[in-house]
Amino acid sequence: METKHTPGPWYVQDDHGRRYIETEGNDDTIAEIHRRRSKGSVYSCAEAGANASLIAAAPELLEALQAARDLWGDYLPPGNSNAMKAMKLVDAAITKATA
């Protein structure tokens, strides 16, 4: 499958409270994570940091899901509804990430 996104690994860089998702060597900035105020709510620094970590993990998460799909996709036990539900979640996440 052709990769459309910037290859990983991605890292979180913190610059005086601003968080950036960057590639190795800081050559490319993938995203900047902000705290924001919306209708009286404030996303905390901790929440912004957690969001940054999740985004930075995206390339590895996608690779892991694709590997799981390749390994187990054709070997699901017939009639195992939990396995089928799990594989549908895997497929949906891969589709969302590669759209």
PDB file of N, CA and C in Angstrom:
ATOM      1  N   MET A   1       0.835  -1.179   0.000  1.00  0.00           N
ATOM      2  CA  MET A   1       0.000   0.000   0.000  1.00  0.00           C
ATOM      3  C   MET A   1       0.887   1.251   0.000  1.00  0.00           C
ATOM      4  N   GLU A   2       0.580   2.176  -0.847  1.00  0.00           N
ATOM      5  CA  GLU A   2       1.349   3.410  -0.959  1.00  0.00           C
ATOM      6  C   GLU A   2       1.083   4.318   0.240  1.00  0.00           C
ATOM      7  N   THR A   3       2.156   4.856   0.807  1.00  0.00           N
ATOM      8  CA  THR A   3       2.035   5.779   1.931  1.00  0.00           C
ATOM      9  C   THR A   3       1.857   7.190   1.411  1.00  0.00           C
ATOM     10  N   LYS A   4       0.798   7.855   1.869  1.00  0.00           N
ATOM     11  CA  LYS A   4       0.525   9.226   1.451  1.00  0.00           C
ATOM     12  C   LYS A   4       1.014  10.241   2.479  1.00  0.00           C
ATOM     13  N   HIS A   5       1.181   9.798   3.723  1.00  0.00           N
ATOM     14  CA  HIS A   5       1.578  10.732   4.783  1.00  0.00           C
ATOM     15  C   HIS A   5       3.103  10.837   4.883  1.00  0.00           C
ATOM     16  N   THR A   6       3.550  11.832   5.616  1.00  0.00           N
ATOM     17  CA  THR A   6       4.982  11.985   5.873  1.00  0.00           C
ATOM     18  C   THR A   6       5.456  10.782   6.679  1.00  0.00           C
ATOM     19  N   PRO A   7       6.504  10.111   6.221  1.00  0.00           N
ATOM     20  CA  PRO A   7       6.976   8.927   6.936  1.00  0.00           C
ATOM     21  C   PRO A   7       7.381   9.254   8.378  1.00  0.00           C
ATOM     22  N   GLY A   8       7.155   8.306   9.263  1.00  0.00           N
ATOM     23  CA  GLY A   8       7.568   8.449  10.658  1.00  0.00           C
ATOM     24  C   GLY A   8       9.013   8.023  10.812  1.00  0.00           C
ATOM     25  N   PRO A   9       9.530   8.024  11.981  1.00  0.00           N
ATOM     26  CA  PRO A   9       8.814   8.343  13.205  1.00  0.00           C
ATOM     27  C   PRO A   9       8.599   9.847  13.375  1.00  0.00           C
ATOM     28  N   TRP A  10       7.547  10.162  14.125  1.00  0.00           N
ATOM     29  CA  TRP A  10       7.249  11.545  14.473  1.00  0.00           C
ATOM     30  C   TRP A  10       7.519  11.725  15.962  1.00  0.00           C
ATOM     31  N   TYR A  11       7.883  12.931  16.347  1.00  0.00           N
ATOM     32  CA  TYR A  11       8.222  13.238  17.731  1.00  0.00           C
ATOM     33  C   TYR A  11       7.493  14.490  18.185  1.00  0.00           C
ATOM     34  N   VAL A  12       7.287  14.585  19.499  1.00  0.00           N
ATOM     35  CA  VAL A  12       6.718  15.793  20.092  1.00  0.00           C
ATOM     36  C   VAL A  12       7.872  16.675  20.540  1.00  0.00           C
ATOM     37  N   GLN A  13       7.866  17.910  20.093  1.00  0.00           N
ATOM     38  CA  GLN A  13       8.832  18.908  20.546  1.00  0.00           C
ATOM     39  C   GLN A  13       8.069  19.962  21.334  1.00  0.00           C
ATOM     40  N   ASP A  14       8.580  20.324  22.491  1.00  0.00           N
ATOM     41  CA  ASP A  14       7.946  21.340  23.327  1.00  0.00           C
ATOM     42  C   ASP A  14       8.825  22.581  23.297  1.00  0.00           C
ATOM     43  N   ASP A  15       8.244  23.691  22.893  1.00  0.00           N
ATOM     44  CA  ASP A  15       8.973  24.957  22.827  1.00  0.00           C
ATOM     45  C   ASP A  15       8.195  25.991  23.628  1.00  0.00           C
ATOM     46  N   HIS A  16       8.540  26.115  24.907  1.00  0.00           N
ATOM     47  CA  HIS A  16       7.898  27.087  25.797  1.00  0.00           C
ATOM     48  C   HIS A  16       6.384  26.911  25.829  1.00  0.00           C
ATOM     49  N   GLY A  17       5.932  25.673  25.968  1.00  0.00           N
ATOM     50  CA  GLY A  17       4.510  25.392  26.078  1.00  0.00           C
ATOM     51  C   GLY A  17       3.811  25.134  24.757  1.00  0.00           C
ATOM     52  N   ARG A  18       4.444  25.446  23.662  1.00  0.00           N
ATOM     53  CA  ARG A  18       3.869  25.106  22.352  1.00  0.00           C
ATOM     54  C   ARG A  18       4.409  23.744  21.959  1.00  0.00           C
ATOM     55  N   ARG A  19       3.517  22.899  21.489  1.00  0.00           N
ATOM     56  CA  ARG A  19       3.936  21.550  21.118  1.00  0.00           C
ATOM     57  C   ARG A  19       3.841  21.376  19.614  1.00  0.00           C
ATOM     58  N   TYR A  20       4.890  20.801  19.071  1.00  0.00           N
ATOM     59  CA  TYR A  20       4.973  20.561  17.636  1.00  0.00           C
ATOM     60  C   TYR A  20       5.184  19.074  17.407  1.00  0.00           C
ATOM     61  N   ILE A  21       4.572  18.555  16.360  1.00  0.00           N
ATOM     62  CA  ILE A  21       4.833  17.192  15.918  1.00  0.00           C
ATOM     63  C   ILE A  21       5.818  17.333  14.766  1.00  0.00           C
ATOM     64  N   GLU A  22       6.990  16.725  14.923  1.00  0.00           N
ATOM     65  CA  GLU A  22       8.052  16.888  13.933  1.00  0.00           C
ATOM     66  C   GLU A  22       8.642  15.540  13.546  1.00  0.00           C
ATOM     67  N   THR A  23       9.312  15.544  12.409  1.00  0.00           N
ATOM     68  CA  THR A  23      10.015  14.344  11.965  1.00  0.00           C
ATOM     69  C   THR A  23      11.396  14.315  12.596  1.00  0.00           C
ATOM     70  N   GLU A  24      12.051  13.194  12.454  1.00  0.00           N
ATOM     71  CA  GLU A  24      13.393  13.042  12.999  1.00  0.00           C
ATOM     72  C   GLU A  24      14.302  14.115  12.428  1.00  0.00           C
ATOM     73  N   GLY A  25      15.089  14.731  13.278  1.00  0.00           N
ATOM     74  CA  GLY A  25      15.983  15.790  12.840  1.00  0.00           C
ATOM     75  C   GLY A  25      15.290  17.138  12.723  1.00  0.00           C
ATOM     76  N   ASN A  26      14.008  17.193  13.090  1.00  0.00           N
ATOM     77  CA  ASN A  26      13.222  18.433  13.033  1.00  0.00           C
ATOM     78  C   ASN A  26      13.203  19.045  11.648  1.00  0.00           C
ATOM     79  N   ASP A  27      13.275  18.206  10.620  1.00  0.00           N
ATOM     80  CA  ASP A  27      13.267  18.721   9.251  1.00  0.00           C
ATOM     81  C   ASP A  27      11.880  19.161   8.806  1.00  0.00           C
ATOM     82  N   ASP A  28      10.850  18.478   9.274  1.00  0.00           N
ATOM     83  CA  ASP A  28       9.484  18.789   8.866  1.00  0.00           C
ATOM     84  C   ASP A  28       8.594  18.916  10.090  1.00  0.00           C
ATOM     85  N   THR A  29       7.795  19.971  10.130  1.00  0.00           N
ATOM     86  CA  THR A  29       6.775  20.097  11.162  1.00  0.00           C
ATOM     87  C   THR A  29       5.483  19.535  10.599  1.00  0.00           C
ATOM     88  N   ILE A  30       4.940  18.528  11.263  1.00  0.00           N
ATOM     89  CA  ILE A  30       3.711  17.871  10.836  1.00  0.00           C
ATOM     90  C   ILE A  30       2.508  18.660  11.332  1.00  0.00           C
ATOM     91  N   ALA A  31       2.571  19.102  12.593  1.00  0.00           N
ATOM     92  CA  ALA A  31       1.437  19.808  13.195  1.00  0.00           C
ATOM     93  C   ALA A  31       1.912  20.615  14.389  1.00  0.00           C
ATOM     94  N   GLU A  32       1.117  21.601  14.752  1.00  0.00           N
ATOM     95  CA  GLU A  32       1.325  22.362  15.978  1.00  0.00           C
ATOM     96  C   GLU A  32       0.077  22.172  16.831  1.00  0.00           C
ATOM     97  N   ILE A  33       0.279  21.851  18.093  1.00  0.00           N
ATOM     98  CA  ILE A  33      -0.829  21.591  19.003  1.00  0.00           C
ATOM     99  C   ILE A  33      -1.035  22.816  19.881  1.00  0.00           C
ATOM    100  N   HIS A  34      -2.259  23.315  19.908  1.00  0.00           N
ATOM    101  CA  HIS A  34      -2.599  24.492  20.702  1.00  0.00           C
ATOM    102  C   HIS A  34      -3.554  24.116  21.820  1.00  0.00           C
ATOM    103  N   ARG A  35      -3.465  24.868  22.897  1.00  0.00           N
ATOM    104  CA  ARG A  35      -4.567  24.873  23.855  1.00  0.00           C
ATOM    105  C   ARG A  35      -5.560  25.858  23.276  1.00  0.00           C
ATOM    106  N   ARG A  36      -6.833  25.594  23.448  1.00  0.00           N
ATOM    107  CA  ARG A  36      -7.783  26.551  22.895  1.00  0.00           C
ATOM    108  C   ARG A  36      -8.933  26.766  23.853  1.00  0.00           C
ATOM    109  N   ARG A  37      -9.520  27.908  23.715  1.00  0.00           N
ATOM    110  CA  ARG A  37     -10.691  28.249  24.515  1.00  0.00           C
ATOM    111  C   ARG A  37     -11.885  28.236  23.580  1.00  0.00           C
ATOM    112  N   SER A  38     -12.909  27.530  23.988  1.00  0.00           N
ATOM    113  CA  SER A  38     -14.103  27.442  23.163  1.00  0.00           C
ATOM    114  C   SER A  38     -15.326  27.369  24.065  1.00  0.00           C
ATOM    115  N   LYS A  39     -16.175  28.345  23.964  1.00  0.00           N
ATOM    116  CA  LYS A  39     -17.406  28.374  24.758  1.00  0.00           C
ATOM    117  C   LYS A  39     -17.114  28.167  26.236  1.00  0.00           C
ATOM    118  N   GLY A  40     -16.082  28.844  26.722  1.00  0.00           N
ATOM    119  CA  GLY A  40     -15.776  28.789  28.140  1.00  0.00           C
ATOM    120  C   GLY A  40     -14.922  27.620  28.577  1.00  0.00           C
ATOM    121  N   SER A  41     -14.658  26.674  27.700  1.00  0.00           N
ATOM    122  CA  SER A  41     -13.827  25.541  28.097  1.00  0.00           C
ATOM    123  C   SER A  41     -12.380  25.800  27.709  1.00  0.00           C
ATOM    124  N   VAL A  42     -11.498  25.208  28.441  1.00  0.00           N
ATOM    125  CA  VAL A  42     -10.073  25.351  28.158  1.00  0.00           C
ATOM    126  C   VAL A  42      -9.468  23.956  28.108  1.00  0.00           C
ATOM    127  N   TYR A  43      -8.776  23.657  27.033  1.00  0.00           N
ATOM    128  CA  TYR A  43      -8.026  22.414  26.970  1.00  0.00           C
ATOM    129  C   TYR A  43      -6.729  22.650  27.724  1.00  0.00           C
ATOM    130  N   SER A  44      -6.453  21.841  28.700  1.00  0.00           N
ATOM    131  CA  SER A  44      -5.296  22.051  29.554  1.00  0.00           C
ATOM    132  C   SER A  44      -3.997  21.708  28.833  1.00  0.00           C
ATOM    133  N   CYS A  45      -2.901  22.136  29.444  1.00  0.00           N
ATOM    134  CA  CYS A  45      -1.582  21.777  28.905  1.00  0.00           C
ATOM    135  C   CYS A  45      -1.417  20.262  28.888  1.00  0.00           C
ATOM    136  N   ALA A  46      -1.913  19.605  29.930  1.00  0.00           N
ATOM    137  CA  ALA A  46      -1.794  18.145  29.987  1.00  0.00           C
ATOM    138  C   ALA A  46      -2.575  17.494  28.855  1.00  0.00           C
ATOM    139  N   GLU A  47      -3.769  17.995  28.577  1.00  0.00           N
ATOM    140  CA  GLU A  47      -4.572  17.431  27.494  1.00  0.00           C
ATOM    141  C   GLU A  47      -3.921  17.703  26.144  1.00  0.00           C
ATOM    142  N   ALA A  48      -3.384  18.904  25.970  1.00  0.00           N
ATOM    143  CA  ALA A  48      -2.683  19.221  24.721  1.00  0.00           C
ATOM    144  C   ALA A  48      -1.475  18.305  24.544  1.00  0.00           C
ATOM    145  N   GLY A  49      -0.764  18.028  25.638  1.00  0.00           N
ATOM    146  CA  GLY A  49       0.378  17.116  25.568  1.00  0.00           C
ATOM    147  C   GLY A  49      -0.035  15.703  25.210  1.00  0.00           C
ATOM    148  N   ALA A  50      -1.151  15.247  25.784  1.00  0.00           N
ATOM    149  CA  ALA A  50      -1.659  13.910  25.462  1.00  0.00           C
ATOM    150  C   ALA A  50      -2.088  13.834  24.002  1.00  0.00           C
ATOM    151  N   ASN A  51      -2.724  14.891  23.503  1.00  0.00           N
ATOM    152  CA  ASN A  51      -3.102  14.933  22.087  1.00  0.00           C
ATOM    153  C   ASN A  51      -1.867  14.865  21.200  1.00  0.00           C
ATOM    154  N   ALA A  52      -0.827  15.604  21.578  1.00  0.00           N
ATOM    155  CA  ALA A  52       0.413  15.603  20.798  1.00  0.00           C
ATOM    156  C   ALA A  52       1.035  14.210  20.770  1.00  0.00           C
ATOM    157  N   SER A  53       1.048  13.534  21.906  1.00  0.00           N
ATOM    158  CA  SER A  53       1.622  12.186  21.961  1.00  0.00           C
ATOM    159  C   SER A  53       0.851  11.207  21.084  1.00  0.00           C
ATOM    160  N   LEU A  54      -0.471  11.316  21.104  1.00  0.00           N
ATOM    161  CA  LEU A  54      -1.297  10.435  20.277  1.00  0.00           C
ATOM    162  C   LEU A  54      -1.042  10.681  18.791  1.00  0.00           C
ATOM    163  N   ILE A  55      -0.970  11.937  18.399  1.00  0.00           N
ATOM    164  CA  ILE A  55      -0.709  12.267  16.992  1.00  0.00           C
ATOM    165  C   ILE A  55       0.676  11.773  16.582  1.00  0.00           C
ATOM    166  N   ALA A  56       1.672  11.980  17.442  1.00  0.00           N
ATOM    167  CA  ALA A  56       3.035  11.556  17.113  1.00  0.00           C
ATOM    168  C   ALA A  56       3.132  10.041  16.948  1.00  0.00           C
ATOM    169  N   ALA A  57       2.278   9.302  17.633  1.00  0.00           N
ATOM    170  CA  ALA A  57       2.288   7.835  17.538  1.00  0.00           C
ATOM    171  C   ALA A  57       1.566   7.313  16.303  1.00  0.00           C
ATOM    172  N   ALA A  58       0.882   8.176  15.575  1.00  0.00           N
ATOM    173  CA  ALA A  58       0.030   7.742  14.461  1.00  0.00           C
ATOM    174  C   ALA A  58       0.734   6.849  13.432  1.00  0.00           C
ATOM    175  N   PRO A  59       1.934   7.179  12.954  1.00  0.00           N
ATOM    176  CA  PRO A  59       2.554   6.293  11.953  1.00  0.00           C
ATOM    177  C   PRO A  59       2.793   4.875  12.477  1.00  0.00           C
ATOM    178  N   GLU A  60       3.243   4.766  13.734  1.00  0.00           N
ATOM    179  CA  GLU A  60       3.482   3.443  14.304  1.00  0.00           C
ATOM    180  C   GLU A  60       2.170   2.704  14.561  1.00  0.00           C
ATOM    181  N   LEU A  61       1.142   3.423  14.984  1.00  0.00           N
ATOM    182  CA  LEU A  61      -0.160   2.792  15.196  1.00  0.00           C
ATOM    183  C   LEU A  61      -0.721   2.242  13.888  1.00  0.00           C
ATOM    184  N   LEU A  62      -0.610   3.021  12.822  1.00  0.00           N
ATOM    185  CA  LEU A  62      -1.081   2.559  11.515  1.00  0.00           C
ATOM    186  C   LEU A  62      -0.300   1.329  11.067  1.00  0.00           C
ATOM    187  N   GLU A  63       1.007   1.368  11.224  1.00  0.00           N
ATOM    188  CA  GLU A  63       1.835   0.222  10.836  1.00  0.00           C
ATOM    189  C   GLU A  63       1.447  -1.028  11.630  1.00  0.00           C
ATOM    190  N   ALA A  64       1.188  -0.872  12.921  1.00  0.00           N
ATOM    191  CA  ALA A  64       0.798  -2.009  13.759  1.00  0.00           C
ATOM    192  C   ALA A  64      -0.551  -2.576  13.328  1.00  0.00           C
ATOM    193  N   LEU A  65      -1.504  -1.707  13.024  1.00  0.00           N
ATOM    194  CA  LEU A  65      -2.814  -2.184  12.568  1.00  0.00           C
ATOM    195  C   LEU A  65      -2.714  -2.910  11.230  1.00  0.00           C
ATOM    196  N   GLN A  66      -1.910  -2.370  10.324  1.00  0.00           N
ATOM    197  CA  GLN A  66      -1.741  -3.026   9.026  1.00  0.00           C
ATOM    198  C   GLN A  66      -1.073  -4.389   9.189  1.00  0.00           C
ATOM    199  N   ALA A  67      -0.095  -4.482  10.089  1.00  0.00           N
ATOM    200  CA  ALA A  67       0.569  -5.764  10.331  1.00  0.00           C
ATOM    201  C   ALA A  67      -0.405  -6.769  10.943  1.00  0.00           C
ATOM    202  N   ALA A  68      -1.221  -6.315  11.887  1.00  0.00           N
ATOM    203  CA  ALA A  68      -2.223  -7.202  12.492  1.00  0.00           C
ATOM    204  C   ALA A  68      -3.216  -7.676  11.445  1.00  0.00           C
ATOM    205  N   ARG A  69      -3.636  -6.780  10.577  1.00  0.00           N
ATOM    206  CA  ARG A  69      -4.591  -7.130   9.518  1.00  0.00           C
ATOM    207  C   ARG A  69      -3.982  -8.165   8.580  1.00  0.00           C
ATOM    208  N   ASP A  70      -2.731  -7.928   8.195  1.00  0.00           N
ATOM    209  CA  ASP A  70      -2.055  -8.863   7.292  1.00  0.00           C
ATOM    210  C   ASP A  70      -1.878 -10.238   7.935  1.00  0.00           C
ATOM    211  N   LEU A  71      -1.565 -10.260   9.221  1.00  0.00           N
ATOM    212  CA  LEU A  71      -1.289 -11.518   9.907  1.00  0.00           C
ATOM    213  C   LEU A  71      -2.555 -12.306  10.225  1.00  0.00           C
ATOM    214  N   TRP A  72      -3.569 -11.629  10.772  1.00  0.00           N
ATOM    215  CA  TRP A  72      -4.742 -12.337  11.278  1.00  0.00           C
ATOM    216  C   TRP A  72      -5.986 -12.188  10.421  1.00  0.00           C
ATOM    217  N   GLY A  73      -5.948 -11.340   9.435  1.00  0.00           N
ATOM    218  CA  GLY A  73      -7.149 -11.039   8.666  1.00  0.00           C
ATOM    219  C   GLY A  73      -7.845 -12.231   8.052  1.00  0.00           C
ATOM    220  N   ASP A  74      -7.088 -13.195   7.581  1.00  0.00           N
ATOM    221  CA  ASP A  74      -7.683 -14.358   6.918  1.00  0.00           C
ATOM    222  C   ASP A  74      -7.822 -15.568   7.839  1.00  0.00           C
ATOM    223  N   TYR A  75      -7.457 -15.401   9.097  1.00  0.00           N
ATOM    224  CA  TYR A  75      -7.458 -16.544  10.014  1.00  0.00           C
ATOM    225  C   TYR A  75      -8.392 -16.347  11.196  1.00  0.00           C
ATOM    226  N   LEU A  76      -9.425 -15.548  11.021  1.00  0.00           N
ATOM    227  CA  LEU A  76     -10.366 -15.341  12.113  1.00  0.00           C
ATOM    228  C   LEU A  76     -11.209 -16.596  12.313  1.00  0.00           C
ATOM    229  N   PRO A  77     -11.411 -16.975  13.573  1.00  0.00           N
ATOM    230  CA  PRO A  77     -12.245 -18.146  13.832  1.00  0.00           C
ATOM    231  C   PRO A  77     -13.675 -17.893  13.368  1.00  0.00           C
ATOM    232  N   PRO A  78     -14.249 -18.807  12.618  1.00  0.00           N
ATOM    233  CA  PRO A  78     -15.624 -18.615  12.162  1.00  0.00           C
ATOM    234  C   PRO A  78     -16.575 -18.541  13.351  1.00  0.00           C
ATOM    235  N   GLY A  79     -17.493 -17.609  13.266  1.00  0.00           N
ATOM    236  CA  GLY A  79     -18.494 -17.464  14.310  1.00  0.00           C
ATOM    237  C   GLY A  79     -18.038 -16.717  15.544  1.00  0.00           C
ATOM    238  N   ASN A  80     -16.796 -16.246  15.570  1.00  0.00           N
ATOM    239  CA  ASN A  80     -16.303 -15.499  16.727  1.00  0.00           C
ATOM    240  C   ASN A  80     -16.653 -14.028  16.539  1.00  0.00           C
ATOM    241  N   SER A  81     -17.753 -13.612  17.147  1.00  0.00           N
ATOM    242  CA  SER A  81     -18.233 -12.245  16.926  1.00  0.00           C
ATOM    243  C   SER A  81     -17.283 -11.200  17.501  1.00  0.00           C
ATOM    244  N   ASN A  82     -16.589 -11.514  18.592  1.00  0.00           N
ATOM    245  CA  ASN A  82     -15.635 -10.553  19.154  1.00  0.00           C
ATOM    246  C   ASN A  82     -14.470 -10.312  18.201  1.00  0.00           C
ATOM    247  N   ALA A  83     -13.974 -11.376  17.599  1.00  0.00           N
ATOM    248  CA  ALA A  83     -12.880 -11.237  16.636  1.00  0.00           C
ATOM    249  C   ALA A  83     -13.337 -10.457  15.411  1.00  0.00           C
ATOM    250  N   MET A  84     -14.544 -10.714  14.958  1.00  0.00           N
ATOM    251  CA  MET A  84     -15.068  -9.993  13.788  1.00  0.00           C
ATOM    252  C   MET A  84     -15.246  -8.509  14.093  1.00  0.00           C
ATOM    253  N   LYS A  85     -15.752  -8.190  15.283  1.00  0.00           N
ATOM    254  CA  LYS A  85     -15.906  -6.790  15.687  1.00  0.00           C
ATOM    255  C   LYS A  85     -14.548  -6.103  15.752  1.00  0.00           C
ATOM    256  N   ALA A  86     -13.571  -6.793  16.333  1.00  0.00           N
ATOM    257  CA  ALA A  86     -12.232  -6.219  16.441  1.00  0.00           C
ATOM    258  C   ALA A  86     -11.639  -5.955  15.063  1.00  0.00           C
ATOM    259  N   MET A  87     -11.810  -6.891  14.129  1.00  0.00           N
ATOM    260  CA  MET A  87     -11.258  -6.707  12.787  1.00  0.00           C
ATOM    261  C   MET A  87     -11.972  -5.579  12.054  1.00  0.00           C
ATOM    262  N   LYS A  88     -13.262  -5.399  12.299  1.00  0.00           N
ATOM    263  CA  LYS A  88     -13.977  -4.271  11.694  1.00  0.00           C
ATOM    264  C   LYS A  88     -13.431  -2.947  12.216  1.00  0.00           C
ATOM    265  N   LEU A  89     -13.090  -2.893  13.507  1.00  0.00           N
ATOM    266  CA  LEU A  89     -12.478  -1.686  14.071  1.00  0.00           C
ATOM    267  C   LEU A  89     -11.108  -1.426  13.444  1.00  0.00           C
ATOM    268  N   VAL A  90     -10.337  -2.493  13.278  1.00  0.00           N
ATOM    269  CA  VAL A  90      -9.025  -2.375  12.633  1.00  0.00           C
ATOM    270  C   VAL A  90      -9.186  -1.842  11.210  1.00  0.00           C
ATOM    271  N   ASP A  91     -10.090  -2.432  10.455  1.00  0.00           N
ATOM    272  CA  ASP A  91     -10.313  -1.994   9.072  1.00  0.00           C
ATOM    273  C   ASP A  91     -10.775  -0.542   9.005  1.00  0.00           C
ATOM    274  N   ALA A  92     -11.672  -0.152   9.901  1.00  0.00           N
ATOM    275  CA  ALA A  92     -12.175   1.224   9.904  1.00  0.00           C
ATOM    276  C   ALA A  92     -11.064   2.214  10.232  1.00  0.00           C
ATOM    277  N   ALA A  93     -10.212   1.868  11.183  1.00  0.00           N
ATOM    278  CA  ALA A  93      -9.109   2.760  11.546  1.00  0.00           C
ATOM    279  C   ALA A  93      -8.105   2.891  10.403  1.00  0.00           C
ATOM    280  N   ILE A  94      -7.789   1.789   9.741  1.00  0.00           N
ATOM    281  CA  ILE A  94      -6.872   1.834   8.595  1.00  0.00           C
ATOM    282  C   ILE A  94      -7.467   2.680   7.483  1.00  0.00           C
ATOM    283  N   THR A  95      -8.743   2.492   7.202  1.00  0.00           N
ATOM    284  CA  THR A  95      -9.408   3.271   6.152  1.00  0.00           C
ATOM    285  C   THR A  95      -9.383   4.758   6.481  1.00  0.00           C
ATOM    286  N   LYS A  96      -9.676   5.101   7.719  1.00  0.00           N
ATOM    287  CA  LYS A  96      -9.675   6.514   8.134  1.00  0.00           C
ATOM    288  C   LYS A  96      -8.280   7.119   8.005  1.00  0.00           C
ATOM    289  N   ALA A  97      -7.270   6.358   8.390  1.00  0.00           N
ATOM    290  CA  ALA A  97      -5.899   6.873   8.367  1.00  0.00           C
ATOM    291  C   ALA A  97      -5.321   6.981   6.963  1.00  0.00           C
ATOM    292  N   THR A  98      -5.858   6.221   6.030  1.00  0.00           N
ATOM    293  CA  THR A  98      -5.273   6.201   4.682  1.00  0.00           C
ATOM    294  C   THR A  98      -6.157   6.855   3.630  1.00  0.00           C
ATOM    295  N   ALA A  99      -7.245   7.464   4.046  1.00  0.00           N
ATOM    296  CA  ALA A  99      -8.177   8.101   3.093  1.00  0.00           C
ATOM    297  C   ALA A  99      -7.542   9.301   2.409  1.00  0.00           C
TER     298      ALA A  99
END
